[in-house]
Amino acid sequence: SARYIGPRTVLLGDAAHRVHPLAGQGANIGFRGVQQLVKYISENPHRQLGDFRVLNSFESSLQRQVTPMLCFIDGMQKLYSTTLDPFVAARSYGLGVINQLPFLKNSILDRARS
């Protein structure tokens, strides 16, 4: 969905975005959404539960966090769904390079875990 909020409504997890089940990142993104919503609600105890300003801030923050991961997952799914030789060679080479660069490999893994 382009929007995660509506009048007194919040979409979380798979209701907010469809993610290819690549490496289980859909669950992680869903958990991140719940954590962010709890944070924004608890930081605004004087506001009503469905206050649009709180929900809008939540939505903006969550979209900034998850959009890069959604794009990465989509790109990986597209890269691995092709059998064209140039793409197969490029992804094999790229994975080999990443595997030889521990700082890059660990950075990618850390991002996937968060």
C-alpha atoms as a PDB file:
ATOM      1  CA  SER A   1       0.000   0.000   0.000  1.00  0.00           C
ATOM      2  CA  ALA A   2       1.186   3.523  -0.663  1.00  0.00           C
ATOM      3  CA  ARG A   3      -0.269   4.608   2.689  1.00  0.00           C
ATOM      4  CA  TYR A   4       0.013   2.786   5.996  1.00  0.00           C
ATOM      5  CA  ILE A   5      -2.604   4.904   7.765  1.00  0.00           C
ATOM      6  CA  GLY A   6      -6.183   6.055   7.380  1.00  0.00           C
ATOM      7  CA  PRO A   7      -8.743   7.606   9.718  1.00  0.00           C
ATOM      8  CA  ARG A   8      -7.998   5.899  13.058  1.00  0.00           C
ATOM      9  CA  THR A   9      -6.500   2.986  11.098  1.00  0.00           C
ATOM     10  CA  VAL A  10      -2.975   1.572  10.783  1.00  0.00           C
ATOM     11  CA  LEU A  11      -1.824  -1.113   8.376  1.00  0.00           C
ATOM     12  CA  LEU A  12       1.037  -3.273   9.645  1.00  0.00           C
ATOM     13  CA  GLY A  13       2.981  -6.215   8.280  1.00  0.00           C
ATOM     14  CA  ASP A  14       1.672  -7.872   5.143  1.00  0.00           C
ATOM     15  CA  ALA A  15      -1.381  -5.606   5.152  1.00  0.00           C
ATOM     16  CA  ALA A  16       0.919  -2.610   4.651  1.00  0.00           C
ATOM     17  CA  HIS A  17       3.210  -4.098   2.030  1.00  0.00           C
ATOM     18  CA  ARG A  18       3.610  -7.266   0.047  1.00  0.00           C
ATOM     19  CA  VAL A  19       7.082  -8.708   0.284  1.00  0.00           C
ATOM     20  CA  HIS A  20       8.501 -11.694  -1.527  1.00  0.00           C
ATOM     21  CA  PRO A  21       9.271 -14.294   1.174  1.00  0.00           C
ATOM     22  CA  LEU A  22      12.991 -13.822   0.550  1.00  0.00           C
ATOM     23  CA  ALA A  23      14.937 -14.569   3.737  1.00  0.00           C
ATOM     24  CA  GLY A  24      11.917 -13.954   5.961  1.00  0.00           C
ATOM     25  CA  GLN A  25      12.270 -10.175   5.802  1.00  0.00           C
ATOM     26  CA  GLY A  26       8.506  -9.609   5.675  1.00  0.00           C
ATOM     27  CA  ALA A  27       8.228 -10.673   9.325  1.00  0.00           C
ATOM     28  CA  ASN A  28      11.130  -8.425  10.329  1.00  0.00           C
ATOM     29  CA  ILE A  29       9.548  -5.468   8.554  1.00  0.00           C
ATOM     30  CA  GLY A  30       6.229  -6.226  10.260  1.00  0.00           C
ATOM     31  CA  PHE A  31       7.903  -6.363  13.684  1.00  0.00           C
ATOM     32  CA  ARG A  32       9.620  -3.045  12.957  1.00  0.00           C
ATOM     33  CA  GLY A  33       6.226  -1.511  12.193  1.00  0.00           C
ATOM     34  CA  VAL A  34       4.786  -2.693  15.500  1.00  0.00           C
ATOM     35  CA  GLN A  35       7.824  -1.355  17.389  1.00  0.00           C
ATOM     36  CA  GLN A  36       7.527   2.029  15.674  1.00  0.00           C
ATOM     37  CA  LEU A  37       3.797   2.284  16.341  1.00  0.00           C
ATOM     38  CA  VAL A  38       4.268   1.505  20.040  1.00  0.00           C
ATOM     39  CA  LYS A  39       7.063   4.101  20.194  1.00  0.00           C
ATOM     40  CA  TYR A  40       4.979   6.852  18.603  1.00  0.00           C
ATOM     41  CA  ILE A  41       1.925   6.113  20.744  1.00  0.00           C
ATOM     42  CA  SER A  42       3.953   6.000  23.968  1.00  0.00           C
ATOM     43  CA  GLU A  43       5.756   9.256  23.100  1.00  0.00           C
ATOM     44  CA  ASN A  44       2.393  11.020  22.684  1.00  0.00           C
ATOM     45  CA  PRO A  45       0.299  10.016  25.711  1.00  0.00           C
ATOM     46  CA  HIS A  46      -1.639  13.307  25.609  1.00  0.00           C
ATOM     47  CA  ARG A  47      -3.006  12.546  22.120  1.00  0.00           C
ATOM     48  CA  GLN A  48      -5.947  10.291  21.309  1.00  0.00           C
ATOM     49  CA  LEU A  49      -4.999   6.813  20.140  1.00  0.00           C
ATOM     50  CA  GLY A  50      -5.910   7.465  16.485  1.00  0.00           C
ATOM     51  CA  ASP A  51      -4.630  11.061  16.314  1.00  0.00           C
ATOM     52  CA  PHE A  52      -3.733  11.788  12.682  1.00  0.00           C
ATOM     53  CA  ARG A  53      -0.589  13.785  13.545  1.00  0.00           C
ATOM     54  CA  VAL A  54       0.839  10.868  15.520  1.00  0.00           C
ATOM     55  CA  LEU A  55      -0.117   8.339  12.862  1.00  0.00           C
ATOM     56  CA  ASN A  56       1.271  10.525  10.088  1.00  0.00           C
ATOM     57  CA  SER A  57       4.613  10.850  11.912  1.00  0.00           C
ATOM     58  CA  PHE A  58       4.641   7.086  12.458  1.00  0.00           C
ATOM     59  CA  GLU A  59       3.951   6.447   8.782  1.00  0.00           C
ATOM     60  CA  SER A  60       6.677   8.807   7.564  1.00  0.00           C
ATOM     61  CA  SER A  61       9.260   7.300   9.896  1.00  0.00           C
ATOM     62  CA  LEU A  62       8.366   3.715   9.046  1.00  0.00           C
ATOM     63  CA  GLN A  63       8.377   4.349   5.304  1.00  0.00           C
ATOM     64  CA  ARG A  64      11.849   5.901   5.509  1.00  0.00           C
ATOM     65  CA  GLN A  65      13.051   2.812   7.360  1.00  0.00           C
ATOM     66  CA  VAL A  66      11.459   0.047   5.297  1.00  0.00           C
ATOM     67  CA  THR A  67      11.524   1.438   1.753  1.00  0.00           C
ATOM     68  CA  PRO A  68      15.240   0.678   1.213  1.00  0.00           C
ATOM     69  CA  MET A  69      14.729  -2.915   2.406  1.00  0.00           C
ATOM     70  CA  LEU A  70      11.625  -3.348   0.240  1.00  0.00           C
ATOM     71  CA  CYS A  71      13.548  -2.105  -2.803  1.00  0.00           C
ATOM     72  CA  PHE A  72      16.489  -4.375  -1.995  1.00  0.00           C
ATOM     73  CA  ILE A  73      14.231  -7.435  -1.614  1.00  0.00           C
ATOM     74  CA  ASP A  74      12.423  -6.616  -4.855  1.00  0.00           C
ATOM     75  CA  GLY A  75      15.731  -6.206  -6.678  1.00  0.00           C
ATOM     76  CA  MET A  76      17.102  -9.481  -5.300  1.00  0.00           C
ATOM     77  CA  GLN A  77      13.933 -11.327  -6.279  1.00  0.00           C
ATOM     78  CA  LYS A  78      14.163  -9.964  -9.806  1.00  0.00           C
ATOM     79  CA  LEU A  79      17.888 -10.731 -10.020  1.00  0.00           C
ATOM     80  CA  TYR A  80      17.372 -14.349  -8.939  1.00  0.00           C
ATOM     81  CA  SER A  81      14.280 -14.950 -11.052  1.00  0.00           C
ATOM     82  CA  THR A  82      16.139 -14.509 -14.329  1.00  0.00           C
ATOM     83  CA  THR A  83      18.067 -17.219 -16.168  1.00  0.00           C
ATOM     84  CA  LEU A  84      19.710 -14.880 -18.674  1.00  0.00           C
ATOM     85  CA  ASP A  85      23.424 -15.707 -18.763  1.00  0.00           C
ATOM     86  CA  PRO A  86      24.734 -12.143 -18.270  1.00  0.00           C
ATOM     87  CA  PHE A  87      22.611 -11.713 -15.129  1.00  0.00           C
ATOM     88  CA  VAL A  88      23.518 -15.141 -13.777  1.00  0.00           C
ATOM     89  CA  ALA A  89      27.220 -14.347 -14.294  1.00  0.00           C
ATOM     90  CA  ALA A  90      26.883 -10.892 -12.721  1.00  0.00           C
ATOM     91  CA  ARG A  91      25.097 -12.148  -9.621  1.00  0.00           C
ATOM     92  CA  SER A  92      27.593 -14.997  -9.187  1.00  0.00           C
ATOM     93  CA  TYR A  93      30.484 -12.560  -9.493  1.00  0.00           C
ATOM     94  CA  GLY A  94      28.810 -10.076  -7.146  1.00  0.00           C
ATOM     95  CA  LEU A  95      28.181 -12.704  -4.476  1.00  0.00           C
ATOM     96  CA  GLY A  96      31.796 -13.839  -4.769  1.00  0.00           C
ATOM     97  CA  VAL A  97      33.002 -10.281  -4.234  1.00  0.00           C
ATOM     98  CA  ILE A  98      30.686  -9.761  -1.244  1.00  0.00           C
ATOM     99  CA  ASN A  99      31.859 -13.051   0.262  1.00  0.00           C
ATOM    100  CA  GLN A 100      35.485 -11.854   0.030  1.00  0.00           C
ATOM    101  CA  LEU A 101      34.721  -8.532   1.756  1.00  0.00           C
ATOM    102  CA  PRO A 102      33.739  -9.370   5.355  1.00  0.00           C
ATOM    103  CA  PHE A 103      32.878  -5.756   6.269  1.00  0.00           C
ATOM    104  CA  LEU A 104      30.400  -5.540   3.388  1.00  0.00           C
ATOM    105  CA  LYS A 105      29.003  -9.021   3.995  1.00  0.00           C
ATOM    106  CA  ASN A 106      28.531  -8.282   7.723  1.00  0.00           C
ATOM    107  CA  SER A 107      26.941  -4.928   6.963  1.00  0.00           C
ATOM    108  CA  ILE A 108      24.377  -6.589   4.685  1.00  0.00           C
ATOM    109  CA  LEU A 109      23.671  -9.302   7.259  1.00  0.00           C
ATOM    110  CA  ASP A 110      23.324  -6.770  10.077  1.00  0.00           C
ATOM    111  CA  ARG A 111      20.866  -4.736   8.028  1.00  0.00           C
ATOM    112  CA  ALA A 112      18.829  -7.850   7.249  1.00  0.00           C
ATOM    113  CA  ARG A 113      18.685  -8.780  10.954  1.00  0.00           C
ATOM    114  CA  SER A 114      17.498  -5.366  12.109  1.00  0.00           C
END
